[in-house]
Each structure stands twice: as C-alpha cells, then as structure tokens.
Amino acid sequence: MNPQDDPATLAAKPALVDIRHLSPLEFARLGVSQIAYIKPVMVEGSRAFAIHGADGAPLAMTQDRELALAAIVQHEMVPISLH
C-alpha cells in the first residue's frame, strides 16, 4: 500500500474543491458552520444585534455588539458584520 493512499493520511489532508462545480445547495452551505454575521435590528423600540449563521438562520440576539462578537468567537466561528 502506498503511504499516500493510507486512509488516515487522506483524512488529514483538506479536500480541494473547485467551487465552479458546486450545486446551488452546496454553494449555499459553504461556511455555514464557520461563519456568523451580526445585523443591527430594532426590538420593541430598542437597538439590538441579531446573530445569524451563514445560511441566514437566526442563532441569538444581544443588546451589545461586542457581546455578539464575543459569543461568535466563543463558539469558534468567524464574525462578519453587515450594515
């Protein structure tokens, strides 16, 4: 067996994917578990910050932008701000 064909070795290497060949569903799922965005919103007349997954799914709401950023980082995600 070639060492390069060892399943453990193959599992350790990141898969290379040409994004031009992704289906619309596969493309939409990119970054879903790694990226969250913060969106300023109004809740009952007060400013708040909604945290959403990359797919737009609501994850949480905070009253403070810094707390929203900290929550995202604490969950090992990358925060992205939307204006």
Protein backbone atom coordinates (compact mmCIF):
# COMPACT_ATOMS: atom_id res chain seq x y z
CA MET A 1 0.00 0.00 0.00
CA ASN A 2 1.29 3.42 -0.92
CA PRO A 3 1.63 5.67 2.21
CA GLN A 4 -0.18 8.42 0.32
CA ASP A 5 -3.24 6.14 -0.03
CA ASP A 6 -3.47 5.44 3.71
CA PRO A 7 -6.98 6.45 4.94
CA ALA A 8 -5.51 8.31 7.94
CA THR A 9 -3.26 10.33 5.63
CA LEU A 10 -6.12 11.08 3.24
CA ALA A 11 -8.41 12.17 6.10
CA ALA A 12 -5.77 14.60 7.38
CA LYS A 13 -5.49 16.41 4.04
CA PRO A 14 -8.05 19.08 3.21
CA ALA A 15 -10.19 18.27 0.19
CA LEU A 16 -9.71 20.56 -2.77
CA VAL A 17 -12.96 21.56 -4.44
CA ASP A 18 -13.44 23.71 -7.49
CA ILE A 19 -16.33 25.97 -6.43
CA ARG A 20 -17.33 26.43 -10.07
CA HIS A 21 -18.67 22.87 -9.97
CA LEU A 22 -20.77 23.20 -6.80
CA SER A 23 -24.53 22.89 -6.96
CA PRO A 24 -26.54 25.88 -5.71
CA LEU A 25 -27.30 23.95 -2.50
CA GLU A 26 -23.63 23.06 -1.93
CA PHE A 27 -22.64 26.67 -2.57
CA ALA A 28 -25.26 27.91 -0.08
CA ARG A 29 -23.86 25.58 2.60
CA LEU A 30 -20.31 26.95 2.35
CA GLY A 31 -19.24 28.36 5.66
CA VAL A 32 -22.49 27.53 7.46
CA SER A 33 -20.74 26.10 10.49
CA GLN A 34 -17.80 28.53 10.45
CA ILE A 35 -19.30 31.96 9.73
CA ALA A 36 -21.85 34.04 11.61
CA TYR A 37 -22.93 37.56 10.86
CA ILE A 38 -24.14 40.36 13.08
CA LYS A 39 -27.00 42.53 11.97
CA PRO A 40 -28.25 45.60 13.86
CA VAL A 41 -32.01 45.34 14.45
CA MET A 42 -34.74 47.13 16.40
CA VAL A 43 -36.60 45.12 19.06
CA GLU A 44 -39.52 46.82 20.82
CA GLY A 45 -38.03 50.24 20.02
CA SER A 46 -34.54 49.39 21.27
CA ARG A 47 -31.43 48.68 19.25
CA ALA A 48 -30.20 45.09 19.39
CA PHE A 49 -27.81 42.87 17.46
CA ALA A 50 -29.02 39.69 15.80
CA ILE A 51 -26.55 36.86 15.23
CA HIS A 52 -27.25 34.70 12.17
CA GLY A 53 -25.48 31.70 10.66
CA ALA A 54 -24.03 31.99 7.16
CA ASP A 55 -27.25 30.46 5.82
CA GLY A 56 -29.34 33.20 7.47
CA ALA A 57 -30.63 31.02 10.31
CA PRO A 58 -31.12 33.08 13.49
CA LEU A 59 -28.75 31.97 16.25
CA ALA A 60 -29.02 34.59 19.01
CA MET A 61 -29.77 38.20 19.91
CA THR A 62 -27.80 40.54 22.16
CA GLN A 63 -28.13 44.14 23.31
CA ASP A 64 -24.44 44.81 22.73
CA ARG A 65 -22.36 44.40 19.56
CA GLU A 66 -19.23 43.45 21.50
CA LEU A 67 -21.15 40.70 23.29
CA ALA A 68 -22.37 39.41 19.91
CA LEU A 69 -18.78 39.29 18.63
CA ALA A 70 -17.59 37.51 21.78
CA ALA A 71 -20.38 34.93 21.53
CA ILE A 72 -19.47 34.13 17.94
CA VAL A 73 -15.76 33.77 18.71
CA GLN A 74 -16.53 31.68 21.81
CA HIS A 75 -18.34 29.21 19.53
CA GLU A 76 -15.26 29.04 17.26
CA MET A 77 -16.91 30.88 14.39
CA VAL A 78 -15.75 33.87 12.35
CA PRO A 79 -17.84 37.04 12.84
CA ILE A 80 -18.86 39.10 9.83
CA SER A 81 -20.66 42.46 10.21
CA LEU A 82 -23.46 43.55 7.93
CA HIS A 83 -24.51 47.18 7.62
